[in-house]
Amino acid sequence: MNQIDARGYSCPEPVLMTKQALAKGRPLKVLVDNRTAVQNITRFANNQKLVVKCKEVGADFELTIE
């Protein structure tokens, strides 16, 4: 599974990183550290007809996109 660490980046950078990583294949795990990034990445993935699962890991969030 591909993984990117977008913690510390503000939007739209996590979405752009996600888009680039998805071009290389799925599933993809994305680590972010704020709810705004979770919402924006989820919205982007849903618009692409992809399934997104999110779980909190401490203060961070882990999104799995398939």
N, C-alpha and C. Protein backbone atom coordinates (compact mmCIF):
# COMPACT_ATOMS: atom_id res chain seq x y z
N MET A 1 0.85 -1.17 0.00
CA MET A 1 0.00 0.00 0.00
C MET A 1 0.90 1.24 0.00
N ASN A 2 0.59 2.15 -0.90
CA ASN A 2 1.31 3.42 -0.93
C ASN A 2 0.88 4.26 0.27
N GLN A 3 1.77 5.11 0.73
CA GLN A 3 1.46 5.97 1.87
C GLN A 3 2.12 7.32 1.67
N ILE A 4 1.39 8.39 2.04
CA ILE A 4 1.99 9.72 2.06
C ILE A 4 1.75 10.35 3.42
N ASP A 5 2.68 11.17 3.82
CA ASP A 5 2.58 11.88 5.09
C ASP A 5 2.39 13.36 4.79
N ALA A 6 1.15 13.82 4.94
CA ALA A 6 0.83 15.22 4.65
C ALA A 6 0.66 16.03 5.94
N ARG A 7 1.16 15.47 7.05
CA ARG A 7 1.08 16.21 8.32
C ARG A 7 1.97 17.44 8.23
N GLY A 8 1.46 18.55 8.76
CA GLY A 8 2.23 19.78 8.75
C GLY A 8 1.97 20.65 7.53
N TYR A 9 1.22 20.14 6.56
CA TYR A 9 0.90 20.92 5.37
C TYR A 9 -0.51 21.48 5.49
N SER A 10 -0.69 22.68 4.97
CA SER A 10 -2.03 23.26 4.97
C SER A 10 -2.63 23.12 3.58
N CYS A 11 -3.95 23.11 3.52
CA CYS A 11 -4.64 22.93 2.25
C CYS A 11 -4.34 24.11 1.33
N PRO A 12 -4.19 23.83 0.06
CA PRO A 12 -4.61 22.62 -0.66
C PRO A 12 -3.51 21.57 -0.82
N GLU A 13 -2.36 21.75 -0.20
CA GLU A 13 -1.23 20.86 -0.42
C GLU A 13 -1.55 19.38 -0.15
N PRO A 14 -2.22 19.00 0.95
CA PRO A 14 -2.53 17.58 1.16
C PRO A 14 -3.39 16.98 0.03
N VAL A 15 -4.31 17.77 -0.51
CA VAL A 15 -5.15 17.28 -1.61
C VAL A 15 -4.29 17.06 -2.85
N LEU A 16 -3.41 17.99 -3.14
CA LEU A 16 -2.54 17.86 -4.31
C LEU A 16 -1.61 16.66 -4.16
N MET A 17 -1.08 16.46 -2.96
CA MET A 17 -0.21 15.31 -2.70
C MET A 17 -0.99 14.01 -2.89
N THR A 18 -2.24 14.00 -2.43
CA THR A 18 -3.10 12.83 -2.56
C THR A 18 -3.37 12.53 -4.03
N LYS A 19 -3.69 13.56 -4.78
CA LYS A 19 -3.97 13.40 -6.21
C LYS A 19 -2.78 12.80 -6.94
N GLN A 20 -1.59 13.29 -6.65
CA GLN A 20 -0.38 12.77 -7.30
C GLN A 20 -0.13 11.31 -6.91
N ALA A 21 -0.32 11.00 -5.64
CA ALA A 21 -0.07 9.63 -5.17
C ALA A 21 -1.09 8.65 -5.75
N LEU A 22 -2.34 9.09 -5.91
CA LEU A 22 -3.36 8.21 -6.47
C LEU A 22 -3.06 7.87 -7.93
N ALA A 23 -2.36 8.75 -8.62
CA ALA A 23 -1.99 8.48 -10.01
C ALA A 23 -1.03 7.29 -10.10
N LYS A 24 -0.36 6.98 -8.98
CA LYS A 24 0.59 5.87 -8.95
C LYS A 24 -0.05 4.56 -8.52
N GLY A 25 -1.31 4.62 -8.06
CA GLY A 25 -2.01 3.40 -7.68
C GLY A 25 -2.75 3.50 -6.37
N ARG A 26 -3.57 2.48 -6.14
CA ARG A 26 -4.37 2.37 -4.93
C ARG A 26 -4.17 0.97 -4.39
N PRO A 27 -4.47 0.74 -3.14
CA PRO A 27 -4.96 1.67 -2.13
C PRO A 27 -3.87 2.64 -1.68
N LEU A 28 -4.32 3.72 -1.07
CA LEU A 28 -3.41 4.77 -0.60
C LEU A 28 -3.76 5.12 0.83
N LYS A 29 -2.73 5.24 1.66
CA LYS A 29 -2.91 5.70 3.04
C LYS A 29 -2.35 7.11 3.13
N VAL A 30 -3.15 8.02 3.67
CA VAL A 30 -2.76 9.42 3.80
C VAL A 30 -2.81 9.81 5.27
N LEU A 31 -1.72 10.36 5.78
CA LEU A 31 -1.67 10.84 7.15
C LEU A 31 -1.78 12.36 7.14
N VAL A 32 -2.72 12.89 7.92
CA VAL A 32 -2.89 14.34 8.05
C VAL A 32 -3.07 14.69 9.52
N ASP A 33 -2.95 15.98 9.82
CA ASP A 33 -3.03 16.39 11.22
C ASP A 33 -4.12 17.42 11.51
N ASN A 34 -5.07 17.57 10.56
CA ASN A 34 -6.16 18.51 10.83
C ASN A 34 -7.43 18.08 10.11
N ARG A 35 -8.55 18.46 10.69
CA ARG A 35 -9.86 18.05 10.16
C ARG A 35 -10.16 18.68 8.80
N THR A 36 -9.65 19.86 8.55
CA THR A 36 -9.88 20.51 7.26
C THR A 36 -9.30 19.66 6.13
N ALA A 37 -8.10 19.15 6.33
CA ALA A 37 -7.48 18.28 5.33
C ALA A 37 -8.29 17.00 5.16
N VAL A 38 -8.80 16.43 6.25
CA VAL A 38 -9.64 15.24 6.17
C VAL A 38 -10.86 15.52 5.30
N GLN A 39 -11.51 16.63 5.55
CA GLN A 39 -12.72 16.97 4.80
C GLN A 39 -12.41 17.21 3.32
N ASN A 40 -11.34 17.93 3.04
CA ASN A 40 -11.01 18.25 1.65
C ASN A 40 -10.56 17.01 0.87
N ILE A 41 -9.76 16.15 1.50
CA ILE A 41 -9.32 14.92 0.82
C ILE A 41 -10.51 13.99 0.61
N THR A 42 -11.38 13.88 1.60
CA THR A 42 -12.57 13.04 1.47
C THR A 42 -13.46 13.55 0.34
N ARG A 43 -13.67 14.84 0.27
CA ARG A 43 -14.49 15.43 -0.80
C ARG A 43 -13.87 15.15 -2.17
N PHE A 44 -12.55 15.34 -2.29
CA PHE A 44 -11.86 15.07 -3.54
C PHE A 44 -12.03 13.60 -3.95
N ALA A 45 -11.78 12.68 -3.01
CA ALA A 45 -11.87 11.25 -3.32
C ALA A 45 -13.29 10.86 -3.69
N ASN A 46 -14.27 11.37 -2.97
CA ASN A 46 -15.66 11.05 -3.29
C ASN A 46 -16.03 11.55 -4.69
N ASN A 47 -15.52 12.70 -5.08
CA ASN A 47 -15.77 13.22 -6.43
C ASN A 47 -15.15 12.33 -7.50
N GLN A 48 -14.11 11.59 -7.12
CA GLN A 48 -13.45 10.65 -8.04
C GLN A 48 -14.07 9.25 -7.95
N LYS A 49 -15.17 9.13 -7.19
CA LYS A 49 -15.88 7.85 -6.99
C LYS A 49 -15.02 6.83 -6.25
N LEU A 50 -14.19 7.31 -5.33
CA LEU A 50 -13.35 6.44 -4.52
C LEU A 50 -13.92 6.31 -3.11
N VAL A 51 -13.58 5.21 -2.45
CA VAL A 51 -14.04 4.95 -1.09
C VAL A 51 -12.97 5.43 -0.12
N VAL A 52 -13.39 6.19 0.90
CA VAL A 52 -12.46 6.73 1.89
C VAL A 52 -12.87 6.25 3.27
N LYS A 53 -11.89 5.74 4.01
CA LYS A 53 -12.10 5.37 5.41
C LYS A 53 -11.15 6.22 6.23
N CYS A 54 -11.65 6.73 7.35
CA CYS A 54 -10.84 7.61 8.19
C CYS A 54 -10.86 7.11 9.63
N LYS A 55 -9.68 7.16 10.25
CA LYS A 55 -9.63 6.85 11.68
C LYS A 55 -8.64 7.80 12.35
N GLU A 56 -8.95 8.11 13.60
CA GLU A 56 -8.07 8.97 14.38
C GLU A 56 -6.96 8.12 14.98
N VAL A 57 -5.75 8.65 14.89
CA VAL A 57 -4.58 7.99 15.47
C VAL A 57 -3.90 9.04 16.33
N GLY A 58 -4.23 9.03 17.61
CA GLY A 58 -3.73 10.09 18.49
C GLY A 58 -4.31 11.42 18.06
N ALA A 59 -3.43 12.38 17.82
CA ALA A 59 -3.87 13.71 17.37
C ALA A 59 -3.97 13.79 15.84
N ASP A 60 -3.60 12.73 15.15
CA ASP A 60 -3.58 12.71 13.69
C ASP A 60 -4.74 11.90 13.14
N PHE A 61 -4.86 11.91 11.82
CA PHE A 61 -5.89 11.17 11.12
C PHE A 61 -5.24 10.32 10.03
N GLU A 62 -5.77 9.12 9.86
CA GLU A 62 -5.27 8.21 8.83
C GLU A 62 -6.42 7.92 7.88
N LEU A 63 -6.26 8.32 6.64
CA LEU A 63 -7.28 8.06 5.62
C LEU A 63 -6.78 6.95 4.71
N THR A 64 -7.66 6.01 4.43
CA THR A 64 -7.37 4.95 3.47
C THR A 64 -8.30 5.14 2.29
N ILE A 65 -7.71 5.26 1.10
CA ILE A 65 -8.49 5.51 -0.11
C ILE A 65 -8.35 4.31 -1.02
N GLU A 66 -9.50 3.77 -1.43
CA GLU A 66 -9.50 2.61 -2.31
C GLU A 66 -10.32 2.89 -3.56
